[in-house]
């Protein structure tokens, strides 16, 4: 997404990965 929108001011994100034990960032 950052490559697609290389000219944007910000590309902010969050994720939640894992079903039994999730990792977030």
PDBML (XML) file of the C-alpha atoms, coordinates in Angstrom:
<?xml version="1.0" encoding="UTF-8" ?>
<PDBx:datablock datablockName="MODEL"
   xmlns:PDBx="http://pdbml.pdb.org/schema/pdbx-v50.xsd"
   xmlns:xsi="http://www.w3.org/2001/XMLSchema-instance"
   xsi:schemaLocation="http://pdbml.pdb.org/schema/pdbx-v50.xsd pdbx-v50.xsd">
   <PDBx:atom_siteCategory>
      <PDBx:atom_site id="1">
         <PDBx:B_iso_or_equiv>0.00</PDBx:B_iso_or_equiv>
         <PDBx:Cartn_x>0.000</PDBx:Cartn_x>
         <PDBx:Cartn_y>0.000</PDBx:Cartn_y>
         <PDBx:Cartn_z>0.000</PDBx:Cartn_z>
         <PDBx:auth_asym_id>A</PDBx:auth_asym_id>
         <PDBx:auth_atom_id>CA</PDBx:auth_atom_id>
         <PDBx:auth_comp_id>UNK</PDBx:auth_comp_id>
         <PDBx:auth_seq_id>1</PDBx:auth_seq_id>
         <PDBx:group_PDB>ATOM</PDBx:group_PDB>
         <PDBx:label_alt_id xsi:nil="true" />
         <PDBx:label_asym_id>A</PDBx:label_asym_id>
         <PDBx:label_atom_id>CA</PDBx:label_atom_id>
         <PDBx:label_comp_id>UNK</PDBx:label_comp_id>
         <PDBx:label_entity_id>1</PDBx:label_entity_id>
         <PDBx:label_seq_id>1</PDBx:label_seq_id>
         <PDBx:occupancy>1.00</PDBx:occupancy>
         <PDBx:pdbx_PDB_model_num>1</PDBx:pdbx_PDB_model_num>
         <PDBx:type_symbol>C</PDBx:type_symbol>
      </PDBx:atom_site>
      <PDBx:atom_site id="2">
         <PDBx:B_iso_or_equiv>0.00</PDBx:B_iso_or_equiv>
         <PDBx:Cartn_x>2.888</PDBx:Cartn_x>
         <PDBx:Cartn_y>2.353</PDBx:Cartn_y>
         <PDBx:Cartn_z>0.784</PDBx:Cartn_z>
         <PDBx:auth_asym_id>A</PDBx:auth_asym_id>
         <PDBx:auth_atom_id>CA</PDBx:auth_atom_id>
         <PDBx:auth_comp_id>UNK</PDBx:auth_comp_id>
         <PDBx:auth_seq_id>2</PDBx:auth_seq_id>
         <PDBx:group_PDB>ATOM</PDBx:group_PDB>
         <PDBx:label_alt_id xsi:nil="true" />
         <PDBx:label_asym_id>A</PDBx:label_asym_id>
         <PDBx:label_atom_id>CA</PDBx:label_atom_id>
         <PDBx:label_comp_id>UNK</PDBx:label_comp_id>
         <PDBx:label_entity_id>1</PDBx:label_entity_id>
         <PDBx:label_seq_id>2</PDBx:label_seq_id>
         <PDBx:occupancy>1.00</PDBx:occupancy>
         <PDBx:pdbx_PDB_model_num>1</PDBx:pdbx_PDB_model_num>
         <PDBx:type_symbol>C</PDBx:type_symbol>
      </PDBx:atom_site>
      <PDBx:atom_site id="3">
         <PDBx:B_iso_or_equiv>0.00</PDBx:B_iso_or_equiv>
         <PDBx:Cartn_x>4.301</PDBx:Cartn_x>
         <PDBx:Cartn_y>1.707</PDBx:Cartn_y>
         <PDBx:Cartn_z>-2.694</PDBx:Cartn_z>
         <PDBx:auth_asym_id>A</PDBx:auth_asym_id>
         <PDBx:auth_atom_id>CA</PDBx:auth_atom_id>
         <PDBx:auth_comp_id>UNK</PDBx:auth_comp_id>
         <PDBx:auth_seq_id>3</PDBx:auth_seq_id>
         <PDBx:group_PDB>ATOM</PDBx:group_PDB>
         <PDBx:label_alt_id xsi:nil="true" />
         <PDBx:label_asym_id>A</PDBx:label_asym_id>
         <PDBx:label_atom_id>CA</PDBx:label_atom_id>
         <PDBx:label_comp_id>UNK</PDBx:label_comp_id>
         <PDBx:label_entity_id>1</PDBx:label_entity_id>
         <PDBx:label_seq_id>3</PDBx:label_seq_id>
         <PDBx:occupancy>1.00</PDBx:occupancy>
         <PDBx:pdbx_PDB_model_num>1</PDBx:pdbx_PDB_model_num>
         <PDBx:type_symbol>C</PDBx:type_symbol>
      </PDBx:atom_site>
      <PDBx:atom_site id="4">
         <PDBx:B_iso_or_equiv>0.00</PDBx:B_iso_or_equiv>
         <PDBx:Cartn_x>0.922</PDBx:Cartn_x>
         <PDBx:Cartn_y>2.312</PDBx:Cartn_y>
         <PDBx:Cartn_z>-4.307</PDBx:Cartn_z>
         <PDBx:auth_asym_id>A</PDBx:auth_asym_id>
         <PDBx:auth_atom_id>CA</PDBx:auth_atom_id>
         <PDBx:auth_comp_id>UNK</PDBx:auth_comp_id>
         <PDBx:auth_seq_id>4</PDBx:auth_seq_id>
         <PDBx:group_PDB>ATOM</PDBx:group_PDB>
         <PDBx:label_alt_id xsi:nil="true" />
         <PDBx:label_asym_id>A</PDBx:label_asym_id>
         <PDBx:label_atom_id>CA</PDBx:label_atom_id>
         <PDBx:label_comp_id>UNK</PDBx:label_comp_id>
         <PDBx:label_entity_id>1</PDBx:label_entity_id>
         <PDBx:label_seq_id>4</PDBx:label_seq_id>
         <PDBx:occupancy>1.00</PDBx:occupancy>
         <PDBx:pdbx_PDB_model_num>1</PDBx:pdbx_PDB_model_num>
         <PDBx:type_symbol>C</PDBx:type_symbol>
      </PDBx:atom_site>
      <PDBx:atom_site id="5">
         <PDBx:B_iso_or_equiv>0.00</PDBx:B_iso_or_equiv>
         <PDBx:Cartn_x>0.416</PDBx:Cartn_x>
         <PDBx:Cartn_y>5.541</PDBx:Cartn_y>
         <PDBx:Cartn_z>-2.354</PDBx:Cartn_z>
         <PDBx:auth_asym_id>A</PDBx:auth_asym_id>
         <PDBx:auth_atom_id>CA</PDBx:auth_atom_id>
         <PDBx:auth_comp_id>UNK</PDBx:auth_comp_id>
         <PDBx:auth_seq_id>5</PDBx:auth_seq_id>
         <PDBx:group_PDB>ATOM</PDBx:group_PDB>
         <PDBx:label_alt_id xsi:nil="true" />
         <PDBx:label_asym_id>A</PDBx:label_asym_id>
         <PDBx:label_atom_id>CA</PDBx:label_atom_id>
         <PDBx:label_comp_id>UNK</PDBx:label_comp_id>
         <PDBx:label_entity_id>1</PDBx:label_entity_id>
         <PDBx:label_seq_id>5</PDBx:label_seq_id>
         <PDBx:occupancy>1.00</PDBx:occupancy>
         <PDBx:pdbx_PDB_model_num>1</PDBx:pdbx_PDB_model_num>
         <PDBx:type_symbol>C</PDBx:type_symbol>
      </PDBx:atom_site>
      <PDBx:atom_site id="6">
         <PDBx:B_iso_or_equiv>0.00</PDBx:B_iso_or_equiv>
         <PDBx:Cartn_x>4.058</PDBx:Cartn_x>
         <PDBx:Cartn_y>6.634</PDBx:Cartn_y>
         <PDBx:Cartn_z>-2.304</PDBx:Cartn_z>
         <PDBx:auth_asym_id>A</PDBx:auth_asym_id>
         <PDBx:auth_atom_id>CA</PDBx:auth_atom_id>
         <PDBx:auth_comp_id>UNK</PDBx:auth_comp_id>
         <PDBx:auth_seq_id>6</PDBx:auth_seq_id>
         <PDBx:group_PDB>ATOM</PDBx:group_PDB>
         <PDBx:label_alt_id xsi:nil="true" />
         <PDBx:label_asym_id>A</PDBx:label_asym_id>
         <PDBx:label_atom_id>CA</PDBx:label_atom_id>
         <PDBx:label_comp_id>UNK</PDBx:label_comp_id>
         <PDBx:label_entity_id>1</PDBx:label_entity_id>
         <PDBx:label_seq_id>6</PDBx:label_seq_id>
         <PDBx:occupancy>1.00</PDBx:occupancy>
         <PDBx:pdbx_PDB_model_num>1</PDBx:pdbx_PDB_model_num>
         <PDBx:type_symbol>C</PDBx:type_symbol>
      </PDBx:atom_site>
      <PDBx:atom_site id="7">
         <PDBx:B_iso_or_equiv>0.00</PDBx:B_iso_or_equiv>
         <PDBx:Cartn_x>2.987</PDBx:Cartn_x>
         <PDBx:Cartn_y>10.272</PDBx:Cartn_y>
         <PDBx:Cartn_z>-2.717</PDBx:Cartn_z>
         <PDBx:auth_asym_id>A</PDBx:auth_asym_id>
         <PDBx:auth_atom_id>CA</PDBx:auth_atom_id>
         <PDBx:auth_comp_id>UNK</PDBx:auth_comp_id>
         <PDBx:auth_seq_id>7</PDBx:auth_seq_id>
         <PDBx:group_PDB>ATOM</PDBx:group_PDB>
         <PDBx:label_alt_id xsi:nil="true" />
         <PDBx:label_asym_id>A</PDBx:label_asym_id>
         <PDBx:label_atom_id>CA</PDBx:label_atom_id>
         <PDBx:label_comp_id>UNK</PDBx:label_comp_id>
         <PDBx:label_entity_id>1</PDBx:label_entity_id>
         <PDBx:label_seq_id>7</PDBx:label_seq_id>
         <PDBx:occupancy>1.00</PDBx:occupancy>
         <PDBx:pdbx_PDB_model_num>1</PDBx:pdbx_PDB_model_num>
         <PDBx:type_symbol>C</PDBx:type_symbol>
      </PDBx:atom_site>
      <PDBx:atom_site id="8">
         <PDBx:B_iso_or_equiv>0.00</PDBx:B_iso_or_equiv>
         <PDBx:Cartn_x>0.662</PDBx:Cartn_x>
         <PDBx:Cartn_y>10.249</PDBx:Cartn_y>
         <PDBx:Cartn_z>0.326</PDBx:Cartn_z>
         <PDBx:auth_asym_id>A</PDBx:auth_asym_id>
         <PDBx:auth_atom_id>CA</PDBx:auth_atom_id>
         <PDBx:auth_comp_id>UNK</PDBx:auth_comp_id>
         <PDBx:auth_seq_id>8</PDBx:auth_seq_id>
         <PDBx:group_PDB>ATOM</PDBx:group_PDB>
         <PDBx:label_alt_id xsi:nil="true" />
         <PDBx:label_asym_id>A</PDBx:label_asym_id>
         <PDBx:label_atom_id>CA</PDBx:label_atom_id>
         <PDBx:label_comp_id>UNK</PDBx:label_comp_id>
         <PDBx:label_entity_id>1</PDBx:label_entity_id>
         <PDBx:label_seq_id>8</PDBx:label_seq_id>
         <PDBx:occupancy>1.00</PDBx:occupancy>
         <PDBx:pdbx_PDB_model_num>1</PDBx:pdbx_PDB_model_num>
         <PDBx:type_symbol>C</PDBx:type_symbol>
      </PDBx:atom_site>
      <PDBx:atom_site id="9">
         <PDBx:B_iso_or_equiv>0.00</PDBx:B_iso_or_equiv>
         <PDBx:Cartn_x>1.521</PDBx:Cartn_x>
         <PDBx:Cartn_y>12.099</PDBx:Cartn_y>
         <PDBx:Cartn_z>3.525</PDBx:Cartn_z>
         <PDBx:auth_asym_id>A</PDBx:auth_asym_id>
         <PDBx:auth_atom_id>CA</PDBx:auth_atom_id>
         <PDBx:auth_comp_id>UNK</PDBx:auth_comp_id>
         <PDBx:auth_seq_id>9</PDBx:auth_seq_id>
         <PDBx:group_PDB>ATOM</PDBx:group_PDB>
         <PDBx:label_alt_id xsi:nil="true" />
         <PDBx:label_asym_id>A</PDBx:label_asym_id>
         <PDBx:label_atom_id>CA</PDBx:label_atom_id>
         <PDBx:label_comp_id>UNK</PDBx:label_comp_id>
         <PDBx:label_entity_id>1</PDBx:label_entity_id>
         <PDBx:label_seq_id>9</PDBx:label_seq_id>
         <PDBx:occupancy>1.00</PDBx:occupancy>
         <PDBx:pdbx_PDB_model_num>1</PDBx:pdbx_PDB_model_num>
         <PDBx:type_symbol>C</PDBx:type_symbol>
      </PDBx:atom_site>
      <PDBx:atom_site id="10">
         <PDBx:B_iso_or_equiv>0.00</PDBx:B_iso_or_equiv>
         <PDBx:Cartn_x>0.804</PDBx:Cartn_x>
         <PDBx:Cartn_y>9.096</PDBx:Cartn_y>
         <PDBx:Cartn_z>5.780</PDBx:Cartn_z>
         <PDBx:auth_asym_id>A</PDBx:auth_asym_id>
         <PDBx:auth_atom_id>CA</PDBx:auth_atom_id>
         <PDBx:auth_comp_id>UNK</PDBx:auth_comp_id>
         <PDBx:auth_seq_id>10</PDBx:auth_seq_id>
         <PDBx:group_PDB>ATOM</PDBx:group_PDB>
         <PDBx:label_alt_id xsi:nil="true" />
         <PDBx:label_asym_id>A</PDBx:label_asym_id>
         <PDBx:label_atom_id>CA</PDBx:label_atom_id>
         <PDBx:label_comp_id>UNK</PDBx:label_comp_id>
         <PDBx:label_entity_id>1</PDBx:label_entity_id>
         <PDBx:label_seq_id>10</PDBx:label_seq_id>
         <PDBx:occupancy>1.00</PDBx:occupancy>
         <PDBx:pdbx_PDB_model_num>1</PDBx:pdbx_PDB_model_num>
         <PDBx:type_symbol>C</PDBx:type_symbol>
      </PDBx:atom_site>
      <PDBx:atom_site id="11">
         <PDBx:B_iso_or_equiv>0.00</PDBx:B_iso_or_equiv>
         <PDBx:Cartn_x>0.050</PDBx:Cartn_x>
         <PDBx:Cartn_y>5.368</PDBx:Cartn_y>
         <PDBx:Cartn_z>5.507</PDBx:Cartn_z>
         <PDBx:auth_asym_id>A</PDBx:auth_asym_id>
         <PDBx:auth_atom_id>CA</PDBx:auth_atom_id>
         <PDBx:auth_comp_id>UNK</PDBx:auth_comp_id>
         <PDBx:auth_seq_id>11</PDBx:auth_seq_id>
         <PDBx:group_PDB>ATOM</PDBx:group_PDB>
         <PDBx:label_alt_id xsi:nil="true" />
         <PDBx:label_asym_id>A</PDBx:label_asym_id>
         <PDBx:label_atom_id>CA</PDBx:label_atom_id>
         <PDBx:label_comp_id>UNK</PDBx:label_comp_id>
         <PDBx:label_entity_id>1</PDBx:label_entity_id>
         <PDBx:label_seq_id>11</PDBx:label_seq_id>
         <PDBx:occupancy>1.00</PDBx:occupancy>
         <PDBx:pdbx_PDB_model_num>1</PDBx:pdbx_PDB_model_num>
         <PDBx:type_symbol>C</PDBx:type_symbol>
      </PDBx:atom_site>
      <PDBx:atom_site id="12">
         <PDBx:B_iso_or_equiv>0.00</PDBx:B_iso_or_equiv>
         <PDBx:Cartn_x>-1.074</PDBx:Cartn_x>
         <PDBx:Cartn_y>4.349</PDBx:Cartn_y>
         <PDBx:Cartn_z>8.989</PDBx:Cartn_z>
         <PDBx:auth_asym_id>A</PDBx:auth_asym_id>
         <PDBx:auth_atom_id>CA</PDBx:auth_atom_id>
         <PDBx:auth_comp_id>UNK</PDBx:auth_comp_id>
         <PDBx:auth_seq_id>12</PDBx:auth_seq_id>
         <PDBx:group_PDB>ATOM</PDBx:group_PDB>
         <PDBx:label_alt_id xsi:nil="true" />
         <PDBx:label_asym_id>A</PDBx:label_asym_id>
         <PDBx:label_atom_id>CA</PDBx:label_atom_id>
         <PDBx:label_comp_id>UNK</PDBx:label_comp_id>
         <PDBx:label_entity_id>1</PDBx:label_entity_id>
         <PDBx:label_seq_id>12</PDBx:label_seq_id>
         <PDBx:occupancy>1.00</PDBx:occupancy>
         <PDBx:pdbx_PDB_model_num>1</PDBx:pdbx_PDB_model_num>
         <PDBx:type_symbol>C</PDBx:type_symbol>
      </PDBx:atom_site>
      <PDBx:atom_site id="13">
         <PDBx:B_iso_or_equiv>0.00</PDBx:B_iso_or_equiv>
         <PDBx:Cartn_x>-2.009</PDBx:Cartn_x>
         <PDBx:Cartn_y>0.789</PDBx:Cartn_y>
         <PDBx:Cartn_z>9.878</PDBx:Cartn_z>
         <PDBx:auth_asym_id>A</PDBx:auth_asym_id>
         <PDBx:auth_atom_id>CA</PDBx:auth_atom_id>
         <PDBx:auth_comp_id>UNK</PDBx:auth_comp_id>
         <PDBx:auth_seq_id>13</PDBx:auth_seq_id>
         <PDBx:group_PDB>ATOM</PDBx:group_PDB>
         <PDBx:label_alt_id xsi:nil="true" />
         <PDBx:label_asym_id>A</PDBx:label_asym_id>
         <PDBx:label_atom_id>CA</PDBx:label_atom_id>
         <PDBx:label_comp_id>UNK</PDBx:label_comp_id>
         <PDBx:label_entity_id>1</PDBx:label_entity_id>
         <PDBx:label_seq_id>13</PDBx:label_seq_id>
         <PDBx:occupancy>1.00</PDBx:occupancy>
         <PDBx:pdbx_PDB_model_num>1</PDBx:pdbx_PDB_model_num>
         <PDBx:type_symbol>C</PDBx:type_symbol>
      </PDBx:atom_site>
      <PDBx:atom_site id="14">
         <PDBx:B_iso_or_equiv>0.00</PDBx:B_iso_or_equiv>
         <PDBx:Cartn_x>-3.001</PDBx:Cartn_x>
         <PDBx:Cartn_y>-1.779</PDBx:Cartn_y>
         <PDBx:Cartn_z>12.464</PDBx:Cartn_z>
         <PDBx:auth_asym_id>A</PDBx:auth_asym_id>
         <PDBx:auth_atom_id>CA</PDBx:auth_atom_id>
         <PDBx:auth_comp_id>UNK</PDBx:auth_comp_id>
         <PDBx:auth_seq_id>14</PDBx:auth_seq_id>
         <PDBx:group_PDB>ATOM</PDBx:group_PDB>
         <PDBx:label_alt_id xsi:nil="true" />
         <PDBx:label_asym_id>A</PDBx:label_asym_id>
         <PDBx:label_atom_id>CA</PDBx:label_atom_id>
         <PDBx:label_comp_id>UNK</PDBx:label_comp_id>
         <PDBx:label_entity_id>1</PDBx:label_entity_id>
         <PDBx:label_seq_id>14</PDBx:label_seq_id>
         <PDBx:occupancy>1.00</PDBx:occupancy>
         <PDBx:pdbx_PDB_model_num>1</PDBx:pdbx_PDB_model_num>
         <PDBx:type_symbol>C</PDBx:type_symbol>
      </PDBx:atom_site>
      <PDBx:atom_site id="15">
         <PDBx:B_iso_or_equiv>0.00</PDBx:B_iso_or_equiv>
         <PDBx:Cartn_x>-3.269</PDBx:Cartn_x>
         <PDBx:Cartn_y>-5.546</PDBx:Cartn_y>
         <PDBx:Cartn_z>12.365</PDBx:Cartn_z>
         <PDBx:auth_asym_id>A</PDBx:auth_asym_id>
         <PDBx:auth_atom_id>CA</PDBx:auth_atom_id>
         <PDBx:auth_comp_id>UNK</PDBx:auth_comp_id>
         <PDBx:auth_seq_id>15</PDBx:auth_seq_id>
         <PDBx:group_PDB>ATOM</PDBx:group_PDB>
         <PDBx:label_alt_id xsi:nil="true" />
         <PDBx:label_asym_id>A</PDBx:label_asym_id>
         <PDBx:label_atom_id>CA</PDBx:label_atom_id>
         <PDBx:label_comp_id>UNK</PDBx:label_comp_id>
         <PDBx:label_entity_id>1</PDBx:label_entity_id>
         <PDBx:label_seq_id>15</PDBx:label_seq_id>
         <PDBx:occupancy>1.00</PDBx:occupancy>
         <PDBx:pdbx_PDB_model_num>1</PDBx:pdbx_PDB_model_num>
         <PDBx:type_symbol>C</PDBx:type_symbol>
      </PDBx:atom_site>
      <PDBx:atom_site id="16">
         <PDBx:B_iso_or_equiv>0.00</PDBx:B_iso_or_equiv>
         <PDBx:Cartn_x>-4.491</PDBx:Cartn_x>
         <PDBx:Cartn_y>-8.455</PDBx:Cartn_y>
         <PDBx:Cartn_z>14.448</PDBx:Cartn_z>
         <PDBx:auth_asym_id>A</PDBx:auth_asym_id>
         <PDBx:auth_atom_id>CA</PDBx:auth_atom_id>
         <PDBx:auth_comp_id>UNK</PDBx:auth_comp_id>
         <PDBx:auth_seq_id>16</PDBx:auth_seq_id>
         <PDBx:group_PDB>ATOM</PDBx:group_PDB>
         <PDBx:label_alt_id xsi:nil="true" />
         <PDBx:label_asym_id>A</PDBx:label_asym_id>
         <PDBx:label_atom_id>CA</PDBx:label_atom_id>
         <PDBx:label_comp_id>UNK</PDBx:label_comp_id>
         <PDBx:label_entity_id>1</PDBx:label_entity_id>
         <PDBx:label_seq_id>16</PDBx:label_seq_id>
         <PDBx:occupancy>1.00</PDBx:occupancy>
         <PDBx:pdbx_PDB_model_num>1</PDBx:pdbx_PDB_model_num>
         <PDBx:type_symbol>C</PDBx:type_symbol>
      </PDBx:atom_site>
      <PDBx:atom_site id="17">
         <PDBx:B_iso_or_equiv>0.00</PDBx:B_iso_or_equiv>
         <PDBx:Cartn_x>-3.024</PDBx:Cartn_x>
         <PDBx:Cartn_y>-11.809</PDBx:Cartn_y>
         <PDBx:Cartn_z>13.430</PDBx:Cartn_z>
         <PDBx:auth_asym_id>A</PDBx:auth_asym_id>
         <PDBx:auth_atom_id>CA</PDBx:auth_atom_id>
         <PDBx:auth_comp_id>UNK</PDBx:auth_comp_id>
         <PDBx:auth_seq_id>17</PDBx:auth_seq_id>
         <PDBx:group_PDB>ATOM</PDBx:group_PDB>
         <PDBx:label_alt_id xsi:nil="true" />
         <PDBx:label_asym_id>A</PDBx:label_asym_id>
         <PDBx:label_atom_id>CA</PDBx:label_atom_id>
         <PDBx:label_comp_id>UNK</PDBx:label_comp_id>
         <PDBx:label_entity_id>1</PDBx:label_entity_id>
         <PDBx:label_seq_id>17</PDBx:label_seq_id>
         <PDBx:occupancy>1.00</PDBx:occupancy>
         <PDBx:pdbx_PDB_model_num>1</PDBx:pdbx_PDB_model_num>
         <PDBx:type_symbol>C</PDBx:type_symbol>
      </PDBx:atom_site>
      <PDBx:atom_site id="18">
         <PDBx:B_iso_or_equiv>0.00</PDBx:B_iso_or_equiv>
         <PDBx:Cartn_x>-3.725</PDBx:Cartn_x>
         <PDBx:Cartn_y>-15.212</PDBx:Cartn_y>
         <PDBx:Cartn_z>14.933</PDBx:Cartn_z>
         <PDBx:auth_asym_id>A</PDBx:auth_asym_id>
         <PDBx:auth_atom_id>CA</PDBx:auth_atom_id>
         <PDBx:auth_comp_id>UNK</PDBx:auth_comp_id>
         <PDBx:auth_seq_id>18</PDBx:auth_seq_id>
         <PDBx:group_PDB>ATOM</PDBx:group_PDB>
         <PDBx:label_alt_id xsi:nil="true" />
         <PDBx:label_asym_id>A</PDBx:label_asym_id>
         <PDBx:label_atom_id>CA</PDBx:label_atom_id>
         <PDBx:label_comp_id>UNK</PDBx:label_comp_id>
         <PDBx:label_entity_id>1</PDBx:label_entity_id>
         <PDBx:label_seq_id>18</PDBx:label_seq_id>
         <PDBx:occupancy>1.00</PDBx:occupancy>
         <PDBx:pdbx_PDB_model_num>1</PDBx:pdbx_PDB_model_num>
         <PDBx:type_symbol>C</PDBx:type_symbol>
      </PDBx:atom_site>
      <PDBx:atom_site id="19">
         <PDBx:B_iso_or_equiv>0.00</PDBx:B_iso_or_equiv>
         <PDBx:Cartn_x>-6.864</PDBx:Cartn_x>
         <PDBx:Cartn_y>-16.957</PDBx:Cartn_y>
         <PDBx:Cartn_z>16.132</PDBx:Cartn_z>
         <PDBx:auth_asym_id>A</PDBx:auth_asym_id>
         <PDBx:auth_atom_id>CA</PDBx:auth_atom_id>
         <PDBx:auth_comp_id>UNK</PDBx:auth_comp_id>
         <PDBx:auth_seq_id>19</PDBx:auth_seq_id>
         <PDBx:group_PDB>ATOM</PDBx:group_PDB>
         <PDBx:label_alt_id xsi:nil="true" />
         <PDBx:label_asym_id>A</PDBx:label_asym_id>
         <PDBx:label_atom_id>CA</PDBx:label_atom_id>
         <PDBx:label_comp_id>UNK</PDBx:label_comp_id>
         <PDBx:label_entity_id>1</PDBx:label_entity_id>
         <PDBx:label_seq_id>19</PDBx:label_seq_id>
         <PDBx:occupancy>1.00</PDBx:occupancy>
         <PDBx:pdbx_PDB_model_num>1</PDBx:pdbx_PDB_model_num>
         <PDBx:type_symbol>C</PDBx:type_symbol>
      </PDBx:atom_site>
      <PDBx:atom_site id="20">
         <PDBx:B_iso_or_equiv>0.00</PDBx:B_iso_or_equiv>
         <PDBx:Cartn_x>-5.923</PDBx:Cartn_x>
         <PDBx:Cartn_y>-18.730</PDBx:Cartn_y>
         <PDBx:Cartn_z>19.351</PDBx:Cartn_z>
         <PDBx:auth_asym_id>A</PDBx:auth_asym_id>
         <PDBx:auth_atom_id>CA</PDBx:auth_atom_id>
         <PDBx:auth_comp_id>UNK</PDBx:auth_comp_id>
         <PDBx:auth_seq_id>20</PDBx:auth_seq_id>
         <PDBx:group_PDB>ATOM</PDBx:group_PDB>
         <PDBx:label_alt_id xsi:nil="true" />
         <PDBx:label_asym_id>A</PDBx:label_asym_id>
         <PDBx:label_atom_id>CA</PDBx:label_atom_id>
         <PDBx:label_comp_id>UNK</PDBx:label_comp_id>
         <PDBx:label_entity_id>1</PDBx:label_entity_id>
         <PDBx:label_seq_id>20</PDBx:label_seq_id>
         <PDBx:occupancy>1.00</PDBx:occupancy>
         <PDBx:pdbx_PDB_model_num>1</PDBx:pdbx_PDB_model_num>
         <PDBx:type_symbol>C</PDBx:type_symbol>
      </PDBx:atom_site>
      <PDBx:atom_site id="21">
         <PDBx:B_iso_or_equiv>0.00</PDBx:B_iso_or_equiv>
         <PDBx:Cartn_x>-3.110</PDBx:Cartn_x>
         <PDBx:Cartn_y>-16.331</PDBx:Cartn_y>
         <PDBx:Cartn_z>20.263</PDBx:Cartn_z>
         <PDBx:auth_asym_id>A</PDBx:auth_asym_id>
         <PDBx:auth_atom_id>CA</PDBx:auth_atom_id>
         <PDBx:auth_comp_id>UNK</PDBx:auth_comp_id>
         <PDBx:auth_seq_id>21</PDBx:auth_seq_id>
         <PDBx:group_PDB>ATOM</PDBx:group_PDB>
         <PDBx:label_alt_id xsi:nil="true" />
         <PDBx:label_asym_id>A</PDBx:label_asym_id>
         <PDBx:label_atom_id>CA</PDBx:label_atom_id>
         <PDBx:label_comp_id>UNK</PDBx:label_comp_id>
         <PDBx:label_entity_id>1</PDBx:label_entity_id>
         <PDBx:label_seq_id>21</PDBx:label_seq_id>
         <PDBx:occupancy>1.00</PDBx:occupancy>
         <PDBx:pdbx_PDB_model_num>1</PDBx:pdbx_PDB_model_num>
         <PDBx:type_symbol>C</PDBx:type_symbol>
      </PDBx:atom_site>
      <PDBx:atom_site id="22">
         <PDBx:B_iso_or_equiv>0.00</PDBx:B_iso_or_equiv>
         <PDBx:Cartn_x>-3.359</PDBx:Cartn_x>
         <PDBx:Cartn_y>-13.017</PDBx:Cartn_y>
         <PDBx:Cartn_z>18.461</PDBx:Cartn_z>
         <PDBx:auth_asym_id>A</PDBx:auth_asym_id>
         <PDBx:auth_atom_id>CA</PDBx:auth_atom_id>
         <PDBx:auth_comp_id>UNK</PDBx:auth_comp_id>
         <PDBx:auth_seq_id>22</PDBx:auth_seq_id>
         <PDBx:group_PDB>ATOM</PDBx:group_PDB>
         <PDBx:label_alt_id xsi:nil="true" />
         <PDBx:label_asym_id>A</PDBx:label_asym_id>
         <PDBx:label_atom_id>CA</PDBx:label_atom_id>
         <PDBx:label_comp_id>UNK</PDBx:label_comp_id>
         <PDBx:label_entity_id>1</PDBx:label_entity_id>
         <PDBx:label_seq_id>22</PDBx:label_seq_id>
         <PDBx:occupancy>1.00</PDBx:occupancy>
         <PDBx:pdbx_PDB_model_num>1</PDBx:pdbx_PDB_model_num>
         <PDBx:type_symbol>C</PDBx:type_symbol>
      </PDBx:atom_site>
      <PDBx:atom_site id="23">
         <PDBx:B_iso_or_equiv>0.00</PDBx:B_iso_or_equiv>
         <PDBx:Cartn_x>-0.525</PDBx:Cartn_x>
         <PDBx:Cartn_y>-10.612</PDBx:Cartn_y>
         <PDBx:Cartn_z>17.742</PDBx:Cartn_z>
         <PDBx:auth_asym_id>A</PDBx:auth_asym_id>
         <PDBx:auth_atom_id>CA</PDBx:auth_atom_id>
         <PDBx:auth_comp_id>UNK</PDBx:auth_comp_id>
         <PDBx:auth_seq_id>23</PDBx:auth_seq_id>
         <PDBx:group_PDB>ATOM</PDBx:group_PDB>
         <PDBx:label_alt_id xsi:nil="true" />
         <PDBx:label_asym_id>A</PDBx:label_asym_id>
         <PDBx:label_atom_id>CA</PDBx:label_atom_id>
         <PDBx:label_comp_id>UNK</PDBx:label_comp_id>
         <PDBx:label_entity_id>1</PDBx:label_entity_id>
         <PDBx:label_seq_id>23</PDBx:label_seq_id>
         <PDBx:occupancy>1.00</PDBx:occupancy>
         <PDBx:pdbx_PDB_model_num>1</PDBx:pdbx_PDB_model_num>
         <PDBx:type_symbol>C</PDBx:type_symbol>
      </PDBx:atom_site>
      <PDBx:atom_site id="24">
         <PDBx:B_iso_or_equiv>0.00</PDBx:B_iso_or_equiv>
         <PDBx:Cartn_x>-1.357</PDBx:Cartn_x>
         <PDBx:Cartn_y>-6.934</PDBx:Cartn_y>
         <PDBx:Cartn_z>17.297</PDBx:Cartn_z>
         <PDBx:auth_asym_id>A</PDBx:auth_asym_id>
         <PDBx:auth_atom_id>CA</PDBx:auth_atom_id>
         <PDBx:auth_comp_id>UNK</PDBx:auth_comp_id>
         <PDBx:auth_seq_id>24</PDBx:auth_seq_id>
         <PDBx:group_PDB>ATOM</PDBx:group_PDB>
         <PDBx:label_alt_id xsi:nil="true" />
         <PDBx:label_asym_id>A</PDBx:label_asym_id>
         <PDBx:label_atom_id>CA</PDBx:label_atom_id>
         <PDBx:label_comp_id>UNK</PDBx:label_comp_id>
         <PDBx:label_entity_id>1</PDBx:label_entity_id>
         <PDBx:label_seq_id>24</PDBx:label_seq_id>
         <PDBx:occupancy>1.00</PDBx:occupancy>
         <PDBx:pdbx_PDB_model_num>1</PDBx:pdbx_PDB_model_num>
         <PDBx:type_symbol>C</PDBx:type_symbol>
      </PDBx:atom_site>
      <PDBx:atom_site id="25">
         <PDBx:B_iso_or_equiv>0.00</PDBx:B_iso_or_equiv>
         <PDBx:Cartn_x>0.603</PDBx:Cartn_x>
         <PDBx:Cartn_y>-3.923</PDBx:Cartn_y>
         <PDBx:Cartn_z>16.145</PDBx:Cartn_z>
         <PDBx:auth_asym_id>A</PDBx:auth_asym_id>
         <PDBx:auth_atom_id>CA</PDBx:auth_atom_id>
         <PDBx:auth_comp_id>UNK</PDBx:auth_comp_id>
         <PDBx:auth_seq_id>25</PDBx:auth_seq_id>
         <PDBx:group_PDB>ATOM</PDBx:group_PDB>
         <PDBx:label_alt_id xsi:nil="true" />
         <PDBx:label_asym_id>A</PDBx:label_asym_id>
         <PDBx:label_atom_id>CA</PDBx:label_atom_id>
         <PDBx:label_comp_id>UNK</PDBx:label_comp_id>
         <PDBx:label_entity_id>1</PDBx:label_entity_id>
         <PDBx:label_seq_id>25</PDBx:label_seq_id>
         <PDBx:occupancy>1.00</PDBx:occupancy>
         <PDBx:pdbx_PDB_model_num>1</PDBx:pdbx_PDB_model_num>
         <PDBx:type_symbol>C</PDBx:type_symbol>
      </PDBx:atom_site>
   </PDBx:atom_siteCategory>
</PDBx:datablock>
